[in-house]
Amino acid sequence: MKIILGRKLKMTQIFDEKEGVIPVTLIEAGPCVVTQIKTKEKEGYKAIQVGFLKKTKNIKKTEKGKEYRYLKEFRIEDPKLKVGDKIEVSIFKKGEKVKVSGISKGRGFQGVVKRWGFSGKDRSHGVKHEHRTPGSIGATTPSRVIKGKKMPGRAGQKRVTVLNLEIVKIDPKNNLLAIKGAVPGTRGTLLEIKTLK
């Protein structure tokens, strides 16, 4: 499994050999540094901890060893990496399929139609109440609203994973990955990029 951390830069488009337009997301990926190797004997499971984007100022003495802005852990059964090893974009190949995880855009307080995809009430004559309401939210027998009922509330700002995204272009000199299609989050969102196997 190949893994790397990155930061979403922007969406743009690339032209292929047949002059077709490919929508891509540019990601500043790596270089990441392996900060810790976790073993079954000591921690109870196998994993590697990776650091991305080094802090340039305000590093406290108590934060020694935590000089990276982002630290993420990946569970890997057979890590062939050592502490201090660098992970760069050159590990990926053009045309490779990856999955990208990140925090989606926050959309604020939304109703059930936008948040959950409810159809709303009929818009015909005789419907006197608001068309975008959820309708009945509970039966008379328990005399309460059942746990987990889909209601209005804050939408977005959740962890989302998009599968089967294709790598269109790699720029190892500038640590850039161009991935076909859209990925979660706003500009500057931290992303985890992994191969599917």
C-alpha atoms as a PDB file:
ATOM      1  CA  MET A   1       0.000   0.000   0.000  1.00  0.00           C
ATOM      2  CA  LYS A   2       1.303   3.460  -0.960  1.00  0.00           C
ATOM      3  CA  ILE A   3       0.315   6.361   1.274  1.00  0.00           C
ATOM      4  CA  ILE A   4       0.983  10.107   1.387  1.00  0.00           C
ATOM      5  CA  LEU A   5      -0.457  13.229   2.992  1.00  0.00           C
ATOM      6  CA  GLY A   6      -1.292  16.274   0.905  1.00  0.00           C
ATOM      7  CA  ARG A   7      -2.996  19.651   0.832  1.00  0.00           C
ATOM      8  CA  LYS A   8      -5.736  20.569  -1.661  1.00  0.00           C
ATOM      9  CA  LEU A   9      -4.624  23.524  -3.781  1.00  0.00           C
ATOM     10  CA  LYS A  10      -7.292  24.093  -6.459  1.00  0.00           C
ATOM     11  CA  MET A  11      -9.263  22.573  -9.321  1.00  0.00           C
ATOM     12  CA  THR A  12      -8.173  23.120 -12.921  1.00  0.00           C
ATOM     13  CA  GLN A  13      -8.189  21.296 -16.264  1.00  0.00           C
ATOM     14  CA  ILE A  14      -5.609  19.423 -18.332  1.00  0.00           C
ATOM     15  CA  PHE A  15      -5.732  18.620 -22.050  1.00  0.00           C
ATOM     16  CA  ASP A  16      -4.908  15.065 -23.107  1.00  0.00           C
ATOM     17  CA  GLU A  17      -3.296  13.841 -26.365  1.00  0.00           C
ATOM     18  CA  LYS A  18      -6.668  13.802 -28.176  1.00  0.00           C
ATOM     19  CA  GLU A  19      -7.316  17.418 -27.081  1.00  0.00           C
ATOM     20  CA  GLY A  20      -9.988  16.304 -24.617  1.00  0.00           C
ATOM     21  CA  VAL A  21     -10.429  18.268 -21.400  1.00  0.00           C
ATOM     22  CA  ILE A  22      -9.824  16.422 -18.095  1.00  0.00           C
ATOM     23  CA  PRO A  23     -11.022  18.160 -14.880  1.00  0.00           C
ATOM     24  CA  VAL A  24      -8.340  17.689 -12.197  1.00  0.00           C
ATOM     25  CA  THR A  25      -7.620  18.649  -8.594  1.00  0.00           C
ATOM     26  CA  LEU A  26      -4.083  19.838  -7.837  1.00  0.00           C
ATOM     27  CA  ILE A  27      -2.696  18.512  -4.558  1.00  0.00           C
ATOM     28  CA  GLU A  28       0.560  19.476  -2.854  1.00  0.00           C
ATOM     29  CA  ALA A  29       1.551  15.984  -1.682  1.00  0.00           C
ATOM     30  CA  GLY A  30       4.499  15.443   0.619  1.00  0.00           C
ATOM     31  CA  PRO A  31       7.319  15.199   1.293  1.00  0.00           C
ATOM     32  CA  CYS A  32       6.202  13.311   4.410  1.00  0.00           C
ATOM     33  CA  VAL A  33       8.551  11.946   7.059  1.00  0.00           C
ATOM     34  CA  VAL A  34       8.062   8.733   9.067  1.00  0.00           C
ATOM     35  CA  THR A  35       8.093   9.908  12.703  1.00  0.00           C
ATOM     36  CA  GLN A  36       7.247   6.640  14.485  1.00  0.00           C
ATOM     37  CA  ILE A  37       6.842   2.917  13.834  1.00  0.00           C
ATOM     38  CA  LYS A  38       4.268   1.178  16.026  1.00  0.00           C
ATOM     39  CA  THR A  39       4.699  -2.548  16.705  1.00  0.00           C
ATOM     40  CA  LYS A  40       2.404  -5.300  17.976  1.00  0.00           C
ATOM     41  CA  GLU A  41       4.676  -5.998  20.953  1.00  0.00           C
ATOM     42  CA  LYS A  42       4.717  -2.421  22.272  1.00  0.00           C
ATOM     43  CA  GLU A  43       1.489  -0.731  21.112  1.00  0.00           C
ATOM     44  CA  GLY A  44      -0.611  -3.814  20.320  1.00  0.00           C
ATOM     45  CA  TYR A  45      -0.939  -3.135  16.581  1.00  0.00           C
ATOM     46  CA  LYS A  46       1.247  -2.401  13.548  1.00  0.00           C
ATOM     47  CA  ALA A  47       1.227   1.120  12.104  1.00  0.00           C
ATOM     48  CA  ILE A  48       3.379   4.011  10.937  1.00  0.00           C
ATOM     49  CA  GLN A  49       3.073   7.647  11.994  1.00  0.00           C
ATOM     50  CA  VAL A  50       3.743  10.229   9.283  1.00  0.00           C
ATOM     51  CA  GLY A  51       4.490  13.955   9.643  1.00  0.00           C
ATOM     52  CA  PHE A  52       3.615  16.582   7.001  1.00  0.00           C
ATOM     53  CA  LEU A  53       4.449  20.318   6.752  1.00  0.00           C
ATOM     54  CA  LYS A  54       7.174  21.237   9.218  1.00  0.00           C
ATOM     55  CA  LYS A  55       6.452  24.041  11.699  1.00  0.00           C
ATOM     56  CA  THR A  56       8.802  26.958  11.141  1.00  0.00           C
ATOM     57  CA  LYS A  57       8.247  28.895  14.376  1.00  0.00           C
ATOM     58  CA  ASN A  58       6.857  28.712  17.925  1.00  0.00           C
ATOM     59  CA  ILE A  59       8.055  25.159  18.656  1.00  0.00           C
ATOM     60  CA  LYS A  60       7.971  24.660  22.443  1.00  0.00           C
ATOM     61  CA  LYS A  61      10.467  22.512  24.312  1.00  0.00           C
ATOM     62  CA  THR A  62       7.595  20.269  25.441  1.00  0.00           C
ATOM     63  CA  GLU A  63       6.668  19.662  21.770  1.00  0.00           C
ATOM     64  CA  LYS A  64      10.027  18.097  20.893  1.00  0.00           C
ATOM     65  CA  GLY A  65       9.439  15.429  18.254  1.00  0.00           C
ATOM     66  CA  LYS A  66       6.117  17.084  17.265  1.00  0.00           C
ATOM     67  CA  GLU A  67       7.614  19.672  14.931  1.00  0.00           C
ATOM     68  CA  TYR A  68       5.153  18.807  12.151  1.00  0.00           C
ATOM     69  CA  ARG A  69       1.876  20.616  11.600  1.00  0.00           C
ATOM     70  CA  TYR A  70       0.059  17.365  10.746  1.00  0.00           C
ATOM     71  CA  LEU A  71       0.670  13.901  12.213  1.00  0.00           C
ATOM     72  CA  LYS A  72      -1.320  10.952  10.868  1.00  0.00           C
ATOM     73  CA  GLU A  73      -1.238   7.234  11.559  1.00  0.00           C
ATOM     74  CA  PHE A  74      -1.670   4.505   8.945  1.00  0.00           C
ATOM     75  CA  ARG A  75      -2.192   0.853   9.820  1.00  0.00           C
ATOM     76  CA  ILE A  76       0.200  -1.188   7.694  1.00  0.00           C
ATOM     77  CA  GLU A  77       0.788  -4.896   8.294  1.00  0.00           C
ATOM     78  CA  ASP A  78       4.350  -5.039   6.945  1.00  0.00           C
ATOM     79  CA  PRO A  79       5.942  -1.572   7.079  1.00  0.00           C
ATOM     80  CA  LYS A  80       9.201  -1.549   5.102  1.00  0.00           C
ATOM     81  CA  LEU A  81       9.976   1.988   6.251  1.00  0.00           C
ATOM     82  CA  LYS A  82      12.213   3.230   9.058  1.00  0.00           C
ATOM     83  CA  VAL A  83      11.961   6.334  11.258  1.00  0.00           C
ATOM     84  CA  GLY A  84      13.240   9.326   9.298  1.00  0.00           C
ATOM     85  CA  ASP A  85      12.401   7.906   5.847  1.00  0.00           C
ATOM     86  CA  LYS A  86      10.858  10.357   3.375  1.00  0.00           C
ATOM     87  CA  ILE A  87       7.696   9.610   1.391  1.00  0.00           C
ATOM     88  CA  GLU A  88       7.499  11.601  -1.843  1.00  0.00           C
ATOM     89  CA  VAL A  89       5.059  11.839  -4.807  1.00  0.00           C
ATOM     90  CA  SER A  90       7.461   9.833  -6.979  1.00  0.00           C
ATOM     91  CA  ILE A  91       6.157   6.611  -5.308  1.00  0.00           C
ATOM     92  CA  PHE A  92       2.972   6.955  -7.405  1.00  0.00           C
ATOM     93  CA  LYS A  93       2.639   6.270 -11.143  1.00  0.00           C
ATOM     94  CA  LYS A  94       0.558   8.003 -13.796  1.00  0.00           C
ATOM     95  CA  GLY A  95      -2.741   6.157 -14.353  1.00  0.00           C
ATOM     96  CA  GLU A  96      -2.734   4.589 -10.872  1.00  0.00           C
ATOM     97  CA  LYS A  97      -6.070   4.466  -8.987  1.00  0.00           C
ATOM     98  CA  VAL A  98      -6.188   5.959  -5.496  1.00  0.00           C
ATOM     99  CA  LYS A  99      -8.656   6.737  -2.731  1.00  0.00           C
ATOM    100  CA  VAL A 100      -8.663  10.226  -1.199  1.00  0.00           C
ATOM    101  CA  SER A 101      -9.995  11.033   2.306  1.00  0.00           C
ATOM    102  CA  GLY A 102     -10.599  14.444   3.835  1.00  0.00           C
ATOM    103  CA  ILE A 103     -13.067  16.673   5.704  1.00  0.00           C
ATOM    104  CA  SER A 104     -15.873  17.887   3.420  1.00  0.00           C
ATOM    105  CA  LYS A 105     -17.025  21.517   3.147  1.00  0.00           C
ATOM    106  CA  GLY A 106     -19.230  22.704   6.001  1.00  0.00           C
ATOM    107  CA  ARG A 107     -22.646  23.860   4.752  1.00  0.00           C
ATOM    108  CA  GLY A 108     -24.101  25.250   7.972  1.00  0.00           C
ATOM    109  CA  PHE A 109     -27.564  24.550   9.376  1.00  0.00           C
ATOM    110  CA  GLN A 110     -29.716  22.943   6.653  1.00  0.00           C
ATOM    111  CA  GLY A 111     -33.206  21.484   6.381  1.00  0.00           C
ATOM    112  CA  VAL A 112     -34.032  17.845   5.630  1.00  0.00           C
ATOM    113  CA  VAL A 113     -34.382  18.399   1.864  1.00  0.00           C
ATOM    114  CA  LYS A 114     -30.789  19.594   1.422  1.00  0.00           C
ATOM    115  CA  ARG A 115     -29.250  17.599   4.278  1.00  0.00           C
ATOM    116  CA  TRP A 116     -30.842  14.174   3.679  1.00  0.00           C
ATOM    117  CA  GLY A 117     -32.448  14.436   0.211  1.00  0.00           C
ATOM    118  CA  PHE A 118     -36.088  14.311   1.399  1.00  0.00           C
ATOM    119  CA  SER A 119     -38.596  15.008  -1.390  1.00  0.00           C
ATOM    120  CA  GLY A 120     -40.748  17.432   0.640  1.00  0.00           C
ATOM    121  CA  LYS A 121     -44.533  17.754   0.504  1.00  0.00           C
ATOM    122  CA  ASP A 122     -46.740  18.043  -2.602  1.00  0.00           C
ATOM    123  CA  ARG A 123     -46.790  21.428  -4.281  1.00  0.00           C
ATOM    124  CA  SER A 124     -50.409  21.066  -5.432  1.00  0.00           C
ATOM    125  CA  HIS A 125     -53.487  23.074  -4.384  1.00  0.00           C
ATOM    126  CA  GLY A 126     -54.719  22.422  -0.876  1.00  0.00           C
ATOM    127  CA  VAL A 127     -51.297  21.881   0.725  1.00  0.00           C
ATOM    128  CA  LYS A 128     -51.398  24.629   3.315  1.00  0.00           C
ATOM    129  CA  HIS A 129     -48.127  24.079   5.175  1.00  0.00           C
ATOM    130  CA  GLU A 130     -44.442  24.549   4.308  1.00  0.00           C
ATOM    131  CA  HIS A 131     -43.371  22.292   1.407  1.00  0.00           C
ATOM    132  CA  ARG A 132     -39.849  21.505   2.680  1.00  0.00           C
ATOM    133  CA  THR A 133     -40.774  20.134   6.128  1.00  0.00           C
ATOM    134  CA  PRO A 134     -39.890  16.557   7.190  1.00  0.00           C
ATOM    135  CA  GLY A 135     -43.519  15.599   7.884  1.00  0.00           C
ATOM    136  CA  SER A 136     -44.310  13.333  10.824  1.00  0.00           C
ATOM    137  CA  ILE A 137     -41.312  12.755  13.084  1.00  0.00           C
ATOM    138  CA  GLY A 138     -42.719  10.056  15.362  1.00  0.00           C
ATOM    139  CA  ALA A 139     -45.561   7.668  16.146  1.00  0.00           C
ATOM    140  CA  THR A 140     -48.032   8.106  19.019  1.00  0.00           C
ATOM    141  CA  THR A 141     -47.059   4.856  20.772  1.00  0.00           C
ATOM    142  CA  PRO A 142     -43.571   5.727  22.144  1.00  0.00           C
ATOM    143  CA  SER A 143     -44.624   9.413  22.611  1.00  0.00           C
ATOM    144  CA  ARG A 144     -41.143  10.586  21.722  1.00  0.00           C
ATOM    145  CA  VAL A 145     -38.843  11.065  18.734  1.00  0.00           C
ATOM    146  CA  ILE A 146     -36.857   7.886  18.058  1.00  0.00           C
ATOM    147  CA  LYS A 147     -33.031   8.095  18.251  1.00  0.00           C
ATOM    148  CA  GLY A 148     -31.277   8.572  14.916  1.00  0.00           C
ATOM    149  CA  LYS A 149     -34.261  10.269  13.236  1.00  0.00           C
ATOM    150  CA  LYS A 150     -33.124  12.319  10.240  1.00  0.00           C
ATOM    151  CA  MET A 151     -33.754  15.928  11.203  1.00  0.00           C
ATOM    152  CA  PRO A 152     -32.563  19.426  10.221  1.00  0.00           C
ATOM    153  CA  GLY A 153     -29.084  20.279  11.480  1.00  0.00           C
ATOM    154  CA  ARG A 154     -25.503  20.999  10.481  1.00  0.00           C
ATOM    155  CA  ALA A 155     -24.611  19.570   7.092  1.00  0.00           C
ATOM    156  CA  GLY A 156     -21.143  18.689   5.808  1.00  0.00           C
ATOM    157  CA  GLN A 157     -17.819  18.999   7.648  1.00  0.00           C
ATOM    158  CA  LYS A 158     -17.529  15.215   7.944  1.00  0.00           C
ATOM    159  CA  ARG A 159     -14.831  12.771   6.879  1.00  0.00           C
ATOM    160  CA  VAL A 160     -15.471  11.679   3.288  1.00  0.00           C
ATOM    161  CA  THR A 161     -13.566   9.094   1.203  1.00  0.00           C
ATOM    162  CA  VAL A 162     -13.709   9.115  -2.608  1.00  0.00           C
ATOM    163  CA  LEU A 163     -12.615   5.859  -4.292  1.00  0.00           C
ATOM    164  CA  ASN A 164     -11.172   5.033  -7.736  1.00  0.00           C
ATOM    165  CA  LEU A 165      -9.670   8.416  -8.582  1.00  0.00           C
ATOM    166  CA  GLU A 166      -7.066   8.338 -11.333  1.00  0.00           C
ATOM    167  CA  ILE A 167      -3.673  10.067 -11.150  1.00  0.00           C
ATOM    168  CA  VAL A 168      -3.382  12.110 -14.357  1.00  0.00           C
ATOM    169  CA  LYS A 169      -0.048  13.883 -13.802  1.00  0.00           C
ATOM    170  CA  ILE A 170       2.860  13.811 -11.318  1.00  0.00           C
ATOM    171  CA  ASP A 171       5.321  16.670 -10.774  1.00  0.00           C
ATOM    172  CA  PRO A 172       8.044  15.415  -8.358  1.00  0.00           C
ATOM    173  CA  LYS A 173      10.004  18.693  -8.628  1.00  0.00           C
ATOM    174  CA  ASN A 174       7.137  20.759  -7.135  1.00  0.00           C
ATOM    175  CA  ASN A 175       5.558  17.889  -5.080  1.00  0.00           C
ATOM    176  CA  LEU A 176       2.323  18.073  -7.099  1.00  0.00           C
ATOM    177  CA  LEU A 177      -0.295  15.437  -7.916  1.00  0.00           C
ATOM    178  CA  ALA A 178      -3.061  16.044 -10.467  1.00  0.00           C
ATOM    179  CA  ILE A 179      -5.982  13.741  -9.687  1.00  0.00           C
ATOM    180  CA  LYS A 180      -8.950  13.361 -12.037  1.00  0.00           C
ATOM    181  CA  GLY A 181     -12.208  14.706 -10.607  1.00  0.00           C
ATOM    182  CA  ALA A 182     -13.106  16.381  -7.326  1.00  0.00           C
ATOM    183  CA  VAL A 183     -11.829  15.587  -3.840  1.00  0.00           C
ATOM    184  CA  PRO A 184     -13.383  16.518  -0.452  1.00  0.00           C
ATOM    185  CA  GLY A 185     -12.872  19.863   1.273  1.00  0.00           C
ATOM    186  CA  THR A 186     -11.976  23.482   0.637  1.00  0.00           C
ATOM    187  CA  ARG A 187      -8.602  24.820  -0.498  1.00  0.00           C
ATOM    188  CA  GLY A 188      -5.946  23.956   2.065  1.00  0.00           C
ATOM    189  CA  THR A 189      -7.767  20.848   3.376  1.00  0.00           C
ATOM    190  CA  LEU A 190      -5.509  18.022   4.590  1.00  0.00           C
ATOM    191  CA  LEU A 191      -5.954  14.907   2.432  1.00  0.00           C
ATOM    192  CA  GLU A 192      -4.901  11.282   2.844  1.00  0.00           C
ATOM    193  CA  ILE A 193      -4.023   9.640  -0.468  1.00  0.00           C
ATOM    194  CA  LYS A 194      -3.735   5.827  -0.571  1.00  0.00           C
ATOM    195  CA  THR A 195      -3.591   3.211  -3.287  1.00  0.00           C
ATOM    196  CA  LEU A 196      -6.555   0.825  -3.307  1.00  0.00           C
ATOM    197  CA  LYS A 197      -4.491  -2.304  -2.505  1.00  0.00           C
END
